[in-house]
N, C-alpha and C. Protein backbone atom coordinates (compact mmCIF):
# COMPACT_ATOMS: atom_id res chain seq x y z
N MET A 1 -66.36 94.40 -0.66
CA MET A 1 -67.08 95.30 -1.27
C MET A 1 -68.55 94.82 -1.60
N LEU A 2 -69.51 95.51 -1.23
CA LEU A 2 -70.92 95.06 -1.53
C LEU A 2 -71.32 95.63 -2.90
N ALA A 3 -72.04 94.68 -3.66
CA ALA A 3 -72.56 95.09 -4.93
C ALA A 3 -73.86 95.49 -4.71
N LYS A 4 -74.23 96.63 -5.47
CA LYS A 4 -75.56 97.19 -5.24
C LYS A 4 -76.67 96.08 -5.89
N ARG A 5 -77.75 96.01 -5.28
CA ARG A 5 -78.74 94.94 -5.87
C ARG A 5 -79.74 95.70 -6.75
N ARG A 6 -79.82 95.06 -7.84
CA ARG A 6 -80.83 95.73 -8.72
C ARG A 6 -82.23 95.65 -8.38
N ARG A 7 -82.99 96.58 -8.69
CA ARG A 7 -84.46 96.47 -8.36
C ARG A 7 -85.03 95.29 -9.15
N ARG A 8 -86.17 94.77 -8.68
CA ARG A 8 -86.72 93.50 -9.33
C ARG A 8 -87.59 94.17 -10.61
N GLY A 9 -87.41 93.80 -11.90
CA GLY A 9 -88.15 94.12 -12.82
C GLY A 9 -87.31 95.26 -13.69
N SER A 10 -86.25 95.73 -13.44
CA SER A 10 -85.44 96.79 -14.04
C SER A 10 -85.01 96.24 -15.36
N GLY A 11 -84.42 94.82 -15.36
CA GLY A 11 -83.84 94.00 -16.39
C GLY A 11 -84.90 93.87 -17.43
N LYS A 12 -86.28 93.62 -17.15
CA LYS A 12 -87.24 93.27 -18.07
C LYS A 12 -87.64 94.78 -18.75
N ALA A 13 -87.59 95.64 -17.91
CA ALA A 13 -88.08 97.11 -18.56
C ALA A 13 -86.94 97.60 -19.53
N ALA A 14 -85.63 97.26 -19.40
CA ALA A 14 -84.70 97.54 -20.12
C ALA A 14 -84.68 96.84 -21.38
N CYS A 15 -84.76 95.62 -21.30
CA CYS A 15 -84.97 94.70 -22.34
C CYS A 15 -86.21 95.03 -23.38
N LEU A 16 -87.42 95.42 -22.44
CA LEU A 16 -88.42 95.93 -23.32
C LEU A 16 -88.21 97.14 -24.11
N ALA A 17 -87.64 98.15 -23.53
CA ALA A 17 -87.17 99.25 -23.92
C ALA A 17 -86.26 98.96 -25.32
N TRP A 18 -85.37 98.20 -25.11
CA TRP A 18 -84.40 98.15 -26.44
C TRP A 18 -85.12 97.32 -27.37
N SER A 19 -86.08 96.43 -27.05
CA SER A 19 -86.79 95.61 -28.16
C SER A 19 -87.70 96.78 -28.86
N LEU A 20 -88.29 97.56 -28.11
CA LEU A 20 -89.28 98.52 -28.79
C LEU A 20 -88.45 99.71 -29.67
N LEU A 21 -87.34 99.95 -29.27
CA LEU A 21 -86.52 100.86 -29.88
C LEU A 21 -85.89 100.19 -31.22
N THR A 22 -85.74 98.91 -31.21
CA THR A 22 -85.28 97.98 -32.37
C THR A 22 -86.58 98.10 -33.30
N ALA A 23 -87.73 97.87 -32.82
CA ALA A 23 -88.83 97.63 -33.87
C ALA A 23 -88.93 99.16 -34.52
N LEU A 24 -88.89 100.23 -33.58
CA LEU A 24 -88.82 101.52 -34.21
C LEU A 24 -87.89 101.87 -35.41
N LEU A 25 -86.44 101.53 -35.20
CA LEU A 25 -85.44 101.83 -36.00
C LEU A 25 -85.71 100.96 -37.29
N LEU A 26 -86.13 99.64 -37.04
CA LEU A 26 -86.49 98.86 -38.39
C LEU A 26 -87.56 99.53 -39.20
N ALA A 27 -88.70 100.22 -38.45
CA ALA A 27 -89.67 100.86 -39.39
C ALA A 27 -88.90 102.00 -39.98
N VAL A 28 -88.11 102.72 -39.42
CA VAL A 28 -87.51 104.09 -40.06
C VAL A 28 -86.39 103.50 -41.24
N THR A 29 -85.82 102.08 -41.07
CA THR A 29 -85.17 101.73 -42.01
C THR A 29 -85.85 101.40 -43.16
N ALA A 30 -87.00 100.60 -42.96
CA ALA A 30 -87.78 100.41 -44.29
C ALA A 30 -88.51 101.62 -44.89
N PHE A 31 -88.90 102.66 -44.13
CA PHE A 31 -89.25 103.90 -44.84
C PHE A 31 -88.13 104.58 -45.56
N THR A 32 -86.95 104.70 -44.87
CA THR A 32 -85.83 105.32 -45.62
C THR A 32 -85.51 104.59 -46.99
N ALA A 33 -85.49 103.28 -46.85
CA ALA A 33 -85.14 102.47 -48.06
C ALA A 33 -86.39 102.53 -49.27
N ALA A 34 -87.55 102.62 -48.89
CA ALA A 34 -88.78 102.80 -49.80
C ALA A 34 -88.64 104.35 -50.35
N HIS A 35 -88.28 105.29 -49.50
CA HIS A 35 -88.03 106.58 -49.99
C HIS A 35 -87.06 106.65 -51.01
N GLY A 36 -85.86 106.14 -50.67
CA GLY A 36 -84.81 106.14 -51.66
C GLY A 36 -84.95 105.38 -52.76
N ALA A 37 -85.69 104.20 -52.73
CA ALA A 37 -86.08 103.60 -53.96
C ALA A 37 -86.97 104.38 -54.79
N PHE A 38 -87.97 105.07 -54.25
CA PHE A 38 -88.68 106.05 -55.13
C PHE A 38 -88.22 107.13 -55.61
N ASP A 39 -87.17 107.54 -54.95
CA ASP A 39 -86.51 108.86 -55.39
C ASP A 39 -85.29 108.61 -56.50
N THR A 40 -84.94 107.35 -56.62
CA THR A 40 -84.12 106.91 -57.86
C THR A 40 -84.94 106.22 -58.95
N GLY A 41 -86.36 106.09 -58.56
CA GLY A 41 -86.94 105.50 -59.66
C GLY A 41 -86.89 103.87 -59.66
N ALA A 42 -86.49 103.41 -58.82
CA ALA A 42 -86.22 102.12 -58.67
C ALA A 42 -87.60 101.26 -58.37
N LEU A 43 -88.44 101.86 -57.63
CA LEU A 43 -89.78 101.45 -57.55
C LEU A 43 -90.82 102.49 -57.99
N GLY A 44 -92.16 101.87 -58.41
CA GLY A 44 -93.09 102.67 -59.01
C GLY A 44 -92.78 102.98 -60.49
N ARG A 45 -93.94 103.41 -61.02
CA ARG A 45 -94.10 103.54 -62.22
C ARG A 45 -93.88 105.00 -62.81
N GLU A 46 -92.77 105.30 -63.33
CA GLU A 46 -92.07 106.65 -63.75
C GLU A 46 -93.10 107.11 -64.81
N GLU A 47 -93.51 108.35 -64.70
CA GLU A 47 -94.20 109.12 -65.81
C GLU A 47 -93.61 110.58 -65.87
N ARG A 48 -94.00 111.06 -66.98
CA ARG A 48 -93.50 112.57 -67.23
C ARG A 48 -94.57 113.42 -66.82
N VAL A 49 -94.00 114.81 -66.42
CA VAL A 49 -95.03 115.66 -65.86
C VAL A 49 -94.67 117.02 -66.50
N LEU A 50 -95.43 117.79 -67.11
CA LEU A 50 -95.30 119.11 -67.63
C LEU A 50 -95.67 120.10 -66.65
N LEU A 51 -94.63 120.87 -66.00
CA LEU A 51 -94.74 121.76 -64.90
C LEU A 51 -95.62 122.97 -65.44
N LEU A 52 -96.66 123.27 -64.74
CA LEU A 52 -97.52 124.41 -65.18
C LEU A 52 -97.19 125.74 -64.42
N THR A 53 -97.16 125.51 -63.06
CA THR A 53 -97.01 126.72 -62.19
C THR A 53 -96.16 126.07 -61.21
N CYS A 54 -95.17 127.09 -60.54
CA CYS A 54 -94.45 126.83 -59.53
C CYS A 54 -94.30 127.96 -58.53
N GLU A 55 -94.57 127.86 -57.23
CA GLU A 55 -94.60 129.02 -56.48
C GLU A 55 -93.61 128.48 -55.21
N LYS A 56 -93.03 129.53 -54.61
CA LYS A 56 -92.25 129.29 -53.37
C LYS A 56 -93.20 129.29 -52.09
N ARG A 57 -93.07 128.35 -51.20
CA ARG A 57 -93.84 128.37 -50.11
C ARG A 57 -93.01 128.86 -48.74
N ASN A 58 -93.79 129.80 -48.16
CA ASN A 58 -93.09 130.38 -46.90
C ASN A 58 -93.58 129.82 -45.73
N GLY A 59 -92.86 130.15 -44.62
CA GLY A 59 -93.58 129.47 -43.38
C GLY A 59 -93.09 128.34 -42.80
N GLU A 60 -91.96 127.69 -43.44
CA GLU A 60 -91.26 126.48 -43.02
C GLU A 60 -89.82 126.83 -42.87
N ARG A 61 -89.11 126.12 -41.88
CA ARG A 61 -87.70 126.23 -41.53
C ARG A 61 -86.91 125.95 -42.75
N GLY A 62 -85.95 126.53 -42.69
CA GLY A 62 -84.75 126.41 -43.72
C GLY A 62 -85.08 127.16 -45.03
N ARG A 63 -84.62 126.76 -45.91
CA ARG A 63 -84.90 127.49 -47.36
C ARG A 63 -86.39 127.08 -47.80
N ALA A 64 -87.08 127.91 -48.34
CA ALA A 64 -88.44 127.79 -48.78
C ALA A 64 -88.48 126.78 -50.04
N PRO A 65 -89.12 125.66 -49.72
CA PRO A 65 -89.36 124.91 -51.03
C PRO A 65 -90.14 125.33 -52.19
N THR A 66 -89.98 124.94 -53.34
CA THR A 66 -90.68 125.29 -54.44
C THR A 66 -91.67 124.21 -54.67
N GLU A 67 -92.94 124.47 -54.46
CA GLU A 67 -94.02 123.43 -55.09
C GLU A 67 -94.59 123.87 -56.27
N CYS A 68 -94.40 122.78 -57.19
CA CYS A 68 -94.84 122.88 -58.46
C CYS A 68 -96.33 122.05 -58.82
N THR A 69 -97.00 122.56 -59.63
CA THR A 69 -98.10 121.83 -60.10
C THR A 69 -98.04 121.61 -61.46
N GLY A 70 -98.42 120.48 -61.97
CA GLY A 70 -98.14 119.99 -63.42
C GLY A 70 -99.29 119.19 -63.90
N ARG A 71 -99.14 118.69 -65.01
CA ARG A 71 -100.24 118.05 -65.93
C ARG A 71 -99.11 116.60 -66.40
N PRO A 72 -99.96 115.49 -65.83
CA PRO A 72 -99.28 114.23 -66.45
C PRO A 72 -99.28 114.15 -67.83
N LEU A 73 -98.10 113.79 -68.42
CA LEU A 73 -97.97 113.39 -69.96
C LEU A 73 -97.94 111.81 -70.05
N GLY A 74 -97.70 110.97 -68.90
CA GLY A 74 -97.47 109.69 -69.20
C GLY A 74 -96.21 109.24 -69.68
N THR A 75 -96.05 107.89 -69.97
CA THR A 75 -94.78 107.56 -70.51
C THR A 75 -94.63 107.55 -71.96
N GLU A 76 -93.55 107.34 -72.61
CA GLU A 76 -93.57 107.47 -73.96
C GLU A 76 -94.33 106.17 -74.64
N ALA A 77 -94.46 105.21 -74.21
CA ALA A 77 -95.20 104.13 -74.49
C ALA A 77 -96.73 104.09 -74.29
N VAL A 78 -96.97 104.56 -72.98
CA VAL A 78 -98.40 104.68 -72.49
C VAL A 78 -98.72 105.89 -72.09
N PRO A 79 -99.75 106.72 -72.73
CA PRO A 79 -100.23 108.01 -72.35
C PRO A 79 -100.63 108.05 -70.85
N ALA A 80 -100.79 109.15 -70.31
CA ALA A 80 -101.33 109.25 -68.81
C ALA A 80 -102.79 108.83 -68.87
N ALA A 81 -102.90 108.03 -67.67
CA ALA A 81 -104.30 107.45 -67.42
C ALA A 81 -105.11 108.34 -66.67
N SER A 82 -104.60 109.48 -66.01
CA SER A 82 -105.47 110.46 -65.43
C SER A 82 -104.86 111.74 -65.82
N HIS A 83 -105.93 112.72 -65.80
CA HIS A 83 -105.41 114.31 -66.07
C HIS A 83 -105.53 115.07 -64.86
N ASP A 84 -105.52 114.41 -63.80
CA ASP A 84 -105.61 115.23 -62.30
C ASP A 84 -104.29 115.72 -62.29
N PRO A 85 -104.19 117.11 -61.72
CA PRO A 85 -102.89 117.82 -61.48
C PRO A 85 -102.06 117.11 -60.46
N VAL A 86 -100.70 117.13 -60.88
CA VAL A 86 -99.72 116.60 -59.93
C VAL A 86 -99.31 117.58 -59.16
N ARG A 87 -98.88 117.57 -57.78
CA ARG A 87 -98.06 118.36 -56.92
C ARG A 87 -97.00 117.76 -56.57
N VAL A 88 -95.93 118.52 -56.76
CA VAL A 88 -94.56 117.81 -56.49
C VAL A 88 -93.60 119.08 -56.05
N ARG A 89 -92.73 118.58 -55.03
CA ARG A 89 -91.78 119.75 -54.58
C ARG A 89 -90.55 119.58 -55.43
N TYR A 90 -90.29 120.52 -56.12
CA TYR A 90 -89.09 120.71 -57.12
C TYR A 90 -88.74 121.91 -57.29
N GLN A 91 -87.37 122.25 -57.46
CA GLN A 91 -86.88 123.47 -57.67
C GLN A 91 -86.94 123.65 -59.26
N GLY A 92 -88.01 123.73 -59.90
CA GLY A 92 -87.96 123.86 -61.45
C GLY A 92 -88.72 125.07 -61.76
N ARG A 93 -88.80 125.18 -63.16
CA ARG A 93 -89.73 126.37 -63.72
C ARG A 93 -90.80 125.87 -64.56
N PRO A 94 -91.96 126.68 -64.66
CA PRO A 94 -92.82 126.18 -65.37
C PRO A 94 -92.26 126.16 -67.01
N GLY A 95 -92.97 124.98 -67.59
CA GLY A 95 -92.68 124.61 -69.00
C GLY A 95 -91.61 123.51 -68.97
N GLU A 96 -91.14 123.23 -67.70
CA GLU A 96 -90.14 122.03 -67.72
C GLU A 96 -90.82 120.67 -67.60
N VAL A 97 -90.28 119.55 -68.34
CA VAL A 97 -90.77 118.23 -68.25
C VAL A 97 -89.95 117.58 -67.18
N VAL A 98 -90.53 116.74 -66.24
CA VAL A 98 -89.71 116.19 -65.13
C VAL A 98 -90.45 114.82 -65.19
N SER A 99 -89.57 113.85 -64.58
CA SER A 99 -89.95 112.35 -64.46
C SER A 99 -90.56 112.46 -62.91
N VAL A 100 -91.49 111.73 -62.49
CA VAL A 100 -92.18 111.75 -61.27
C VAL A 100 -92.68 110.19 -61.03
N VAL A 101 -92.43 109.82 -59.69
CA VAL A 101 -93.14 108.49 -59.31
C VAL A 101 -94.16 108.86 -58.05
N ARG A 102 -95.11 108.19 -58.07
CA ARG A 102 -96.20 108.26 -57.08
C ARG A 102 -95.79 107.14 -55.93
N THR A 103 -95.46 107.80 -54.79
CA THR A 103 -95.13 106.80 -53.60
C THR A 103 -96.40 106.14 -53.12
N TRP A 104 -96.14 105.26 -52.13
CA TRP A 104 -97.04 104.42 -51.59
C TRP A 104 -97.89 105.17 -50.54
N TRP A 105 -97.25 106.31 -50.15
CA TRP A 105 -98.07 107.06 -49.04
C TRP A 105 -99.00 108.41 -49.88
N GLY A 106 -98.85 108.45 -51.20
CA GLY A 106 -99.82 109.13 -51.77
C GLY A 106 -99.05 110.55 -52.58
N THR A 107 -97.88 110.73 -52.15
CA THR A 107 -97.19 111.91 -52.78
C THR A 107 -96.52 111.59 -54.06
N HIS A 108 -96.04 112.53 -54.76
CA HIS A 108 -95.25 112.39 -55.87
C HIS A 108 -93.77 112.81 -55.59
N VAL A 109 -92.99 112.28 -56.13
CA VAL A 109 -91.48 112.42 -55.88
C VAL A 109 -90.82 112.57 -57.25
N VAL A 110 -89.93 113.63 -57.63
CA VAL A 110 -89.32 113.74 -58.82
C VAL A 110 -88.13 112.72 -58.67
N THR A 111 -87.93 112.04 -59.68
CA THR A 111 -86.84 111.01 -59.74
C THR A 111 -85.41 111.59 -60.23
N ASP A 112 -84.53 111.19 -59.61
CA ASP A 112 -83.04 111.50 -59.98
C ASP A 112 -82.41 110.38 -60.17
N HIS A 113 -81.73 110.05 -61.37
CA HIS A 113 -80.89 108.90 -61.66
C HIS A 113 -79.45 109.08 -61.72
N SER A 114 -79.13 110.02 -60.96
CA SER A 114 -77.58 110.19 -60.77
C SER A 114 -76.91 109.16 -59.91
N VAL A 115 -75.81 109.05 -60.17
CA VAL A 115 -74.90 108.17 -59.22
C VAL A 115 -74.76 108.77 -57.86
N PRO A 116 -74.84 110.04 -57.50
CA PRO A 116 -74.58 110.40 -55.97
C PRO A 116 -76.06 109.97 -55.39
N ASN A 117 -76.95 110.34 -56.24
CA ASN A 117 -78.26 109.83 -55.51
C ASN A 117 -78.51 108.44 -55.27
N TRP A 118 -78.24 107.63 -56.28
CA TRP A 118 -78.15 106.13 -56.06
C TRP A 118 -77.36 105.73 -54.88
N THR A 119 -76.31 106.34 -54.62
CA THR A 119 -75.36 105.97 -53.52
C THR A 119 -75.88 106.34 -52.30
N ILE A 120 -76.56 107.70 -52.03
CA ILE A 120 -77.37 108.01 -51.11
C ILE A 120 -78.47 107.12 -50.84
N GLY A 121 -79.32 106.90 -51.84
CA GLY A 121 -80.50 105.95 -51.70
C GLY A 121 -80.02 104.54 -51.12
N ILE A 122 -78.74 104.08 -51.49
CA ILE A 122 -78.44 102.76 -50.99
C ILE A 122 -78.03 102.59 -49.57
N LEU A 123 -77.16 103.67 -49.26
CA LEU A 123 -76.28 103.81 -47.99
C LEU A 123 -77.12 104.36 -46.92
N LEU A 124 -78.13 105.30 -47.19
CA LEU A 124 -78.82 105.91 -46.12
C LEU A 124 -79.54 104.86 -45.23
N PRO A 125 -80.11 103.96 -45.76
CA PRO A 125 -80.86 103.12 -44.65
C PRO A 125 -79.92 102.22 -43.94
N LEU A 126 -78.65 102.19 -44.31
CA LEU A 126 -77.63 101.42 -43.41
C LEU A 126 -77.50 101.87 -41.97
N ILE A 127 -77.81 103.30 -42.00
CA ILE A 127 -77.61 104.01 -40.53
C ILE A 127 -78.47 103.60 -39.58
N PRO A 128 -79.92 103.62 -39.76
CA PRO A 128 -80.80 103.10 -38.92
C PRO A 128 -80.90 101.70 -38.71
N LEU A 129 -80.57 100.88 -39.59
CA LEU A 129 -80.39 99.40 -39.62
C LEU A 129 -79.12 99.04 -38.79
N THR A 130 -78.12 99.98 -38.94
CA THR A 130 -76.92 99.49 -37.81
C THR A 130 -77.36 99.65 -36.49
N ALA A 131 -78.17 100.98 -36.24
CA ALA A 131 -78.72 101.26 -34.93
C ALA A 131 -79.71 100.13 -34.37
N ALA A 132 -80.45 99.59 -35.32
CA ALA A 132 -81.31 98.65 -34.92
C ALA A 132 -80.73 97.48 -34.50
N VAL A 133 -79.67 97.13 -35.30
CA VAL A 133 -78.84 95.67 -34.78
C VAL A 133 -78.16 95.97 -33.43
N LEU A 134 -77.72 97.19 -33.13
CA LEU A 134 -76.97 97.17 -31.87
C LEU A 134 -78.16 97.30 -30.83
N CYS A 135 -79.24 97.76 -31.00
CA CYS A 135 -80.37 97.71 -29.86
C CYS A 135 -80.95 96.34 -29.74
N ALA A 136 -80.83 95.51 -30.76
CA ALA A 136 -81.34 94.06 -30.80
C ALA A 136 -80.36 93.32 -30.02
N CYS A 137 -78.98 93.64 -30.17
CA CYS A 137 -77.72 93.13 -29.29
C CYS A 137 -78.15 93.34 -27.91
N LEU A 138 -78.44 94.43 -27.63
CA LEU A 138 -78.43 94.85 -26.22
C LEU A 138 -79.62 94.34 -25.55
N ALA A 139 -81.00 94.09 -26.21
CA ALA A 139 -82.05 93.45 -25.98
C ALA A 139 -81.76 92.07 -25.64
N GLY A 140 -80.95 91.47 -26.58
CA GLY A 140 -80.74 89.94 -26.33
C GLY A 140 -79.93 89.69 -25.21
N ARG A 141 -78.84 90.68 -25.05
CA ARG A 141 -78.14 90.71 -23.77
C ARG A 141 -78.72 90.71 -22.53
N GLY A 142 -79.81 91.68 -22.44
CA GLY A 142 -80.53 91.76 -21.45
C GLY A 142 -81.39 90.60 -21.10
N ALA A 143 -81.91 89.90 -22.26
CA ALA A 143 -82.84 88.81 -21.90
C ALA A 143 -82.02 87.65 -21.61
N ARG A 144 -80.75 87.51 -21.89
CA ARG A 144 -79.96 86.39 -21.52
C ARG A 144 -79.41 86.55 -20.04
N ARG A 145 -79.30 87.89 -19.56
CA ARG A 145 -79.04 88.01 -18.23
C ARG A 145 -80.14 87.53 -17.29
N ARG A 146 -81.30 87.92 -17.84
CA ARG A 146 -82.30 87.70 -16.92
C ARG A 146 -83.06 86.19 -16.77
N ARG A 147 -82.44 85.47 -17.65
CA ARG A 147 -82.86 84.21 -17.96
C ARG A 147 -82.50 83.41 -16.49
N PRO A 148 -83.27 82.44 -16.21
CA PRO A 148 -82.76 81.57 -14.86
C PRO A 148 -81.81 80.69 -15.18
N GLN A 149 -80.82 80.59 -14.26
CA GLN A 149 -79.80 79.21 -14.23
C GLN A 149 -80.29 78.31 -13.54
N GLY A 150 -80.35 77.14 -14.20
CA GLY A 150 -80.74 75.78 -13.91
C GLY A 150 -79.60 74.96 -13.38
N ARG A 151 -79.58 74.19 -12.47
CA ARG A 151 -78.54 73.35 -11.84
C ARG A 151 -78.30 72.12 -12.71
N THR A 152 -77.31 71.49 -12.94
CA THR A 152 -77.12 70.49 -13.84
C THR A 152 -76.52 69.28 -12.96
């Protein structure tokens, strides 16, 4: 039986593709971990916000999110440094006081300190991380296969 010869360069292209996919999945892992840390209040300075107006936004898929605008109250020890309005996606009502954290990318996130939210925040980044490890193994396998074998 004759084996098919692989085209020259196809192994390098596959190795490069797996490596790029690994880098992309590691970036997704970092973003997911940071978002989970902000969502649970583990990262960032938490401050209280008094919700002034809440309105449903239409035109997006799925259920219509509620976007609220509020006034920062600061923390109990430190008053608010800025009185600029804070916009946050939250299913709340005007007059409610919520804790928010400003993310690195400029939005505000309402924090949730519940056990299920902590569990999701910790376990969710493991999904893209596992996929990144598998892609890195496939890239390494392809690189090992392409390495020239010397005589001893």
